[in-house]
Amino acid sequence: MAEEKKNKNQVNIELPEEVAEGIYSNLAIISHSQSEFVVDFIRLVPNVPKAKVKSRVILTPQHAKRLMAALQDNVVKFEKQYGPITMTKQNPMPPMNFTPTAQA
């Protein structure tokens, strides 16, 4: 009986190869309404004045709060293993004129 209950609560999650590769983002913009949070993940490219939203995730307020707690938990675990994450003071929007520090 316990075996049946365990299998009933199990969820199989499929991760397609194209999703597993991930999408790089160096900016996230979060907005919300009364019923949902919208997180747009954006990639800014040096010397390109236009950026594209690469992915959009829409969450219920409850899921947004769970995500926030999960991220906080993971940051704490990361810092215990690797040391503090230092935050630099920066503008809310990264500069569009990245300066190269080396040549290839």
N, C-alpha and C. Protein backbone atom coordinates (compact mmCIF):
# COMPACT_ATOMS: atom_id res chain seq x y z
N MET A 1 0.82 -1.19 0.00
CA MET A 1 0.00 0.00 0.00
C MET A 1 0.87 1.26 0.00
N ALA A 2 1.93 1.26 0.82
CA ALA A 2 2.84 2.41 0.85
C ALA A 2 3.53 2.58 -0.50
N GLU A 3 3.84 1.46 -1.16
CA GLU A 3 4.47 1.50 -2.49
C GLU A 3 3.56 2.18 -3.51
N GLU A 4 2.26 1.87 -3.46
CA GLU A 4 1.30 2.49 -4.38
C GLU A 4 1.21 3.98 -4.15
N LYS A 5 1.19 4.42 -2.89
CA LYS A 5 1.11 5.85 -2.57
C LYS A 5 2.37 6.57 -3.05
N LYS A 6 3.53 5.95 -2.87
CA LYS A 6 4.79 6.55 -3.32
C LYS A 6 4.77 6.76 -4.84
N ASN A 7 4.36 5.76 -5.59
CA ASN A 7 4.32 5.88 -7.05
C ASN A 7 3.28 6.89 -7.51
N LYS A 8 2.19 7.02 -6.75
CA LYS A 8 1.13 7.95 -7.11
C LYS A 8 1.61 9.40 -7.02
N ASN A 9 2.50 9.70 -6.07
CA ASN A 9 3.00 11.06 -5.89
C ASN A 9 4.25 11.36 -6.71
N GLN A 10 4.78 10.38 -7.41
CA GLN A 10 5.99 10.57 -8.20
C GLN A 10 5.66 11.27 -9.52
N VAL A 11 6.52 12.19 -9.91
CA VAL A 11 6.36 12.91 -11.18
C VAL A 11 7.60 12.65 -12.01
N ASN A 12 7.41 12.21 -13.22
CA ASN A 12 8.52 12.04 -14.15
C ASN A 12 8.68 13.34 -14.93
N ILE A 13 9.88 13.89 -14.93
CA ILE A 13 10.15 15.15 -15.61
C ILE A 13 11.07 14.87 -16.79
N GLU A 14 10.65 15.31 -17.96
CA GLU A 14 11.45 15.14 -19.17
C GLU A 14 12.18 16.44 -19.46
N LEU A 15 13.46 16.34 -19.78
CA LEU A 15 14.27 17.51 -20.12
C LEU A 15 14.77 17.35 -21.55
N PRO A 16 14.06 17.97 -22.52
CA PRO A 16 14.50 17.87 -23.91
C PRO A 16 15.90 18.44 -24.10
N GLU A 17 16.63 17.89 -25.04
CA GLU A 17 18.03 18.28 -25.27
C GLU A 17 18.18 19.78 -25.53
N GLU A 18 17.28 20.36 -26.34
CA GLU A 18 17.41 21.79 -26.65
C GLU A 18 17.16 22.67 -25.43
N VAL A 19 16.36 22.20 -24.48
CA VAL A 19 16.13 22.94 -23.25
C VAL A 19 17.29 22.72 -22.29
N ALA A 20 17.85 21.53 -22.28
CA ALA A 20 18.96 21.19 -21.38
C ALA A 20 20.18 22.06 -21.64
N GLU A 21 20.35 22.53 -22.87
CA GLU A 21 21.48 23.39 -23.21
C GLU A 21 21.41 24.73 -22.48
N GLY A 22 20.21 25.16 -22.13
CA GLY A 22 20.04 26.40 -21.40
C GLY A 22 20.13 27.63 -22.29
N ILE A 23 19.79 28.76 -21.73
CA ILE A 23 19.85 30.04 -22.42
C ILE A 23 20.59 31.01 -21.51
N TYR A 24 21.64 31.62 -21.99
CA TYR A 24 22.40 32.58 -21.19
C TYR A 24 21.62 33.89 -21.08
N SER A 25 21.57 34.43 -19.89
CA SER A 25 20.92 35.71 -19.64
C SER A 25 21.79 36.50 -18.68
N ASN A 26 21.95 37.80 -18.96
CA ASN A 26 22.68 38.66 -18.04
C ASN A 26 21.82 39.82 -17.53
N LEU A 27 20.51 39.67 -17.73
CA LEU A 27 19.56 40.65 -17.22
C LEU A 27 18.20 39.99 -17.09
N ALA A 28 17.53 40.23 -15.98
CA ALA A 28 16.16 39.75 -15.80
C ALA A 28 15.30 40.93 -15.40
N ILE A 29 14.13 41.01 -16.02
CA ILE A 29 13.18 42.05 -15.68
C ILE A 29 11.93 41.35 -15.15
N ILE A 30 11.48 41.77 -13.98
CA ILE A 30 10.35 41.13 -13.33
C ILE A 30 9.21 42.13 -13.22
N SER A 31 8.04 41.69 -13.64
CA SER A 31 6.84 42.51 -13.48
C SER A 31 5.74 41.62 -12.92
N HIS A 32 4.68 42.23 -12.44
CA HIS A 32 3.61 41.43 -11.86
C HIS A 32 2.26 42.13 -11.98
N SER A 33 1.23 41.31 -11.93
CA SER A 33 -0.14 41.78 -11.82
C SER A 33 -0.69 41.17 -10.54
N GLN A 34 -1.97 41.30 -10.33
CA GLN A 34 -2.57 40.73 -9.13
C GLN A 34 -2.50 39.20 -9.14
N SER A 35 -2.45 38.60 -10.34
CA SER A 35 -2.56 37.15 -10.42
C SER A 35 -1.31 36.43 -10.92
N GLU A 36 -0.28 37.18 -11.36
CA GLU A 36 0.90 36.49 -11.89
C GLU A 36 2.14 37.36 -11.84
N PHE A 37 3.29 36.67 -11.84
CA PHE A 37 4.60 37.31 -11.99
C PHE A 37 5.13 36.92 -13.35
N VAL A 38 5.75 37.87 -14.04
CA VAL A 38 6.35 37.61 -15.34
C VAL A 38 7.83 37.93 -15.22
N VAL A 39 8.68 36.94 -15.53
CA VAL A 39 10.13 37.11 -15.48
C VAL A 39 10.65 36.99 -16.90
N ASP A 40 11.19 38.08 -17.43
CA ASP A 40 11.79 38.08 -18.76
C ASP A 40 13.30 37.99 -18.59
N PHE A 41 13.91 37.00 -19.23
CA PHE A 41 15.35 36.82 -19.21
C PHE A 41 15.91 37.36 -20.52
N ILE A 42 16.87 38.28 -20.40
CA ILE A 42 17.38 39.04 -21.55
C ILE A 42 18.88 38.85 -21.64
N ARG A 43 19.39 38.88 -22.86
CA ARG A 43 20.83 38.84 -23.08
C ARG A 43 21.25 40.15 -23.72
N LEU A 44 22.10 40.88 -22.99
CA LEU A 44 22.68 42.11 -23.55
C LEU A 44 23.99 41.76 -24.21
N VAL A 45 24.21 42.28 -25.41
CA VAL A 45 25.42 42.01 -26.16
C VAL A 45 26.21 43.30 -26.28
N PRO A 46 27.54 43.25 -26.11
CA PRO A 46 28.35 44.47 -26.19
C PRO A 46 28.13 45.24 -27.49
N ASN A 47 28.02 46.54 -27.36
CA ASN A 47 27.91 47.48 -28.48
C ASN A 47 26.69 47.25 -29.37
N VAL A 48 25.68 46.59 -28.85
CA VAL A 48 24.42 46.40 -29.59
C VAL A 48 23.34 47.10 -28.78
N PRO A 49 22.75 48.15 -29.33
CA PRO A 49 21.80 48.95 -28.55
C PRO A 49 20.44 48.27 -28.33
N LYS A 50 20.21 47.15 -28.97
CA LYS A 50 18.92 46.46 -28.85
C LYS A 50 19.14 45.08 -28.25
N ALA A 51 18.37 44.75 -27.24
CA ALA A 51 18.47 43.43 -26.61
C ALA A 51 17.15 42.69 -26.79
N LYS A 52 17.24 41.37 -26.82
CA LYS A 52 16.04 40.56 -27.01
C LYS A 52 15.74 39.75 -25.76
N VAL A 53 14.45 39.60 -25.50
CA VAL A 53 14.03 38.68 -24.46
C VAL A 53 14.28 37.27 -25.01
N LYS A 54 15.06 36.49 -24.29
CA LYS A 54 15.39 35.13 -24.74
C LYS A 54 14.45 34.09 -24.16
N SER A 55 13.83 34.42 -23.02
CA SER A 55 12.90 33.49 -22.40
C SER A 55 11.99 34.25 -21.46
N ARG A 56 10.74 33.82 -21.38
CA ARG A 56 9.77 34.43 -20.46
C ARG A 56 9.16 33.33 -19.62
N VAL A 57 9.14 33.54 -18.31
CA VAL A 57 8.53 32.58 -17.40
C VAL A 57 7.41 33.31 -16.66
N ILE A 58 6.22 32.71 -16.67
CA ILE A 58 5.07 33.28 -16.01
C ILE A 58 4.72 32.38 -14.82
N LEU A 59 4.62 32.99 -13.64
CA LEU A 59 4.42 32.24 -12.39
C LEU A 59 3.22 32.77 -11.62
N THR A 60 2.58 31.90 -10.87
CA THR A 60 1.58 32.36 -9.91
C THR A 60 2.34 33.03 -8.77
N PRO A 61 1.69 33.88 -7.99
CA PRO A 61 2.37 34.49 -6.84
C PRO A 61 2.94 33.44 -5.87
N GLN A 62 2.22 32.35 -5.67
CA GLN A 62 2.70 31.30 -4.78
C GLN A 62 3.97 30.66 -5.32
N HIS A 63 4.01 30.38 -6.62
CA HIS A 63 5.21 29.79 -7.21
C HIS A 63 6.37 30.78 -7.22
N ALA A 64 6.08 32.06 -7.40
CA ALA A 64 7.13 33.08 -7.35
C ALA A 64 7.77 33.11 -5.97
N LYS A 65 6.95 33.00 -4.93
CA LYS A 65 7.49 33.01 -3.57
C LYS A 65 8.30 31.75 -3.30
N ARG A 66 7.84 30.59 -3.81
CA ARG A 66 8.60 29.35 -3.65
C ARG A 66 9.94 29.44 -4.40
N LEU A 67 9.93 30.03 -5.59
CA LEU A 67 11.17 30.21 -6.35
C LEU A 67 12.14 31.11 -5.59
N MET A 68 11.63 32.19 -5.02
CA MET A 68 12.48 33.10 -4.25
C MET A 68 13.12 32.36 -3.07
N ALA A 69 12.34 31.54 -2.37
CA ALA A 69 12.87 30.78 -1.23
C ALA A 69 13.90 29.76 -1.70
N ALA A 70 13.64 29.09 -2.82
CA ALA A 70 14.57 28.10 -3.35
C ALA A 70 15.88 28.75 -3.80
N LEU A 71 15.80 29.91 -4.43
CA LEU A 71 17.01 30.63 -4.83
C LEU A 71 17.81 31.07 -3.60
N GLN A 72 17.12 31.57 -2.59
CA GLN A 72 17.80 31.99 -1.36
C GLN A 72 18.51 30.81 -0.72
N ASP A 73 17.83 29.67 -0.64
CA ASP A 73 18.42 28.46 -0.06
C ASP A 73 19.67 28.04 -0.84
N ASN A 74 19.59 28.11 -2.16
CA ASN A 74 20.73 27.71 -2.98
C ASN A 74 21.89 28.70 -2.90
N VAL A 75 21.59 29.99 -2.77
CA VAL A 75 22.66 30.98 -2.59
C VAL A 75 23.38 30.73 -1.27
N VAL A 76 22.64 30.44 -0.21
CA VAL A 76 23.25 30.14 1.09
C VAL A 76 24.16 28.92 0.97
N LYS A 77 23.68 27.86 0.32
CA LYS A 77 24.48 26.65 0.14
C LYS A 77 25.73 26.92 -0.71
N PHE A 78 25.56 27.71 -1.78
CA PHE A 78 26.68 28.07 -2.65
C PHE A 78 27.76 28.80 -1.85
N GLU A 79 27.33 29.80 -1.06
CA GLU A 79 28.29 30.60 -0.30
C GLU A 79 28.98 29.79 0.79
N LYS A 80 28.31 28.81 1.35
CA LYS A 80 28.96 27.93 2.33
C LYS A 80 30.07 27.13 1.67
N GLN A 81 29.83 26.72 0.42
CA GLN A 81 30.81 25.90 -0.28
C GLN A 81 31.92 26.72 -0.93
N TYR A 82 31.58 27.87 -1.52
CA TYR A 82 32.55 28.61 -2.32
C TYR A 82 32.93 29.99 -1.76
N GLY A 83 32.27 30.43 -0.71
CA GLY A 83 32.55 31.75 -0.15
C GLY A 83 31.52 32.76 -0.61
N PRO A 84 31.56 33.94 -0.02
CA PRO A 84 30.55 34.96 -0.30
C PRO A 84 30.53 35.41 -1.76
N ILE A 85 29.36 35.67 -2.24
CA ILE A 85 29.18 36.27 -3.56
C ILE A 85 29.24 37.77 -3.35
N THR A 86 30.19 38.42 -4.02
CA THR A 86 30.32 39.86 -3.85
C THR A 86 29.44 40.57 -4.88
N MET A 87 28.76 41.58 -4.40
CA MET A 87 27.90 42.39 -5.26
C MET A 87 28.61 43.71 -5.51
N THR A 88 28.74 44.08 -6.77
CA THR A 88 29.32 45.37 -7.10
C THR A 88 28.20 46.37 -7.27
N LYS A 89 28.48 47.62 -6.95
CA LYS A 89 27.48 48.66 -7.19
C LYS A 89 27.41 48.89 -8.69
N GLN A 90 26.20 48.84 -9.20
CA GLN A 90 26.03 49.09 -10.63
C GLN A 90 24.66 49.71 -10.85
N ASN A 91 24.51 50.28 -12.01
CA ASN A 91 23.22 50.85 -12.38
C ASN A 91 22.21 49.72 -12.54
N PRO A 92 20.92 50.04 -12.42
CA PRO A 92 19.91 49.00 -12.63
C PRO A 92 20.02 48.35 -14.02
N MET A 93 20.43 49.11 -15.00
CA MET A 93 20.62 48.59 -16.35
C MET A 93 22.12 48.53 -16.62
N PRO A 94 22.66 47.38 -17.03
CA PRO A 94 24.09 47.32 -17.36
C PRO A 94 24.43 48.28 -18.49
N PRO A 95 25.66 48.79 -18.51
CA PRO A 95 26.04 49.72 -19.57
C PRO A 95 26.03 49.03 -20.93
N MET A 96 25.67 49.78 -21.93
CA MET A 96 25.60 49.22 -23.28
C MET A 96 26.95 49.31 -23.99
N ASN A 97 27.91 49.99 -23.43
CA ASN A 97 29.21 50.14 -24.07
C ASN A 97 30.26 49.35 -23.29
N PHE A 98 30.17 48.02 -23.34
CA PHE A 98 31.15 47.18 -22.68
C PHE A 98 32.54 47.52 -23.21
N THR A 99 33.51 47.56 -22.33
CA THR A 99 34.87 47.87 -22.73
C THR A 99 35.69 46.60 -22.72
N PRO A 100 36.26 46.22 -23.87
CA PRO A 100 37.06 45.00 -23.88
C PRO A 100 38.32 45.16 -23.03
N THR A 101 38.69 44.11 -22.32
CA THR A 101 39.88 44.16 -21.47
C THR A 101 41.03 43.37 -22.08
N ALA A 102 40.77 42.66 -23.17
CA ALA A 102 41.82 41.88 -23.83
C ALA A 102 41.43 41.71 -25.29
N GLN A 103 42.42 41.37 -26.09
CA GLN A 103 42.15 41.10 -27.50
C GLN A 103 42.43 39.64 -27.79
N ALA A 104 41.65 39.08 -28.70
CA ALA A 104 41.87 37.67 -29.07
C ALA A 104 42.32 37.58 -30.50
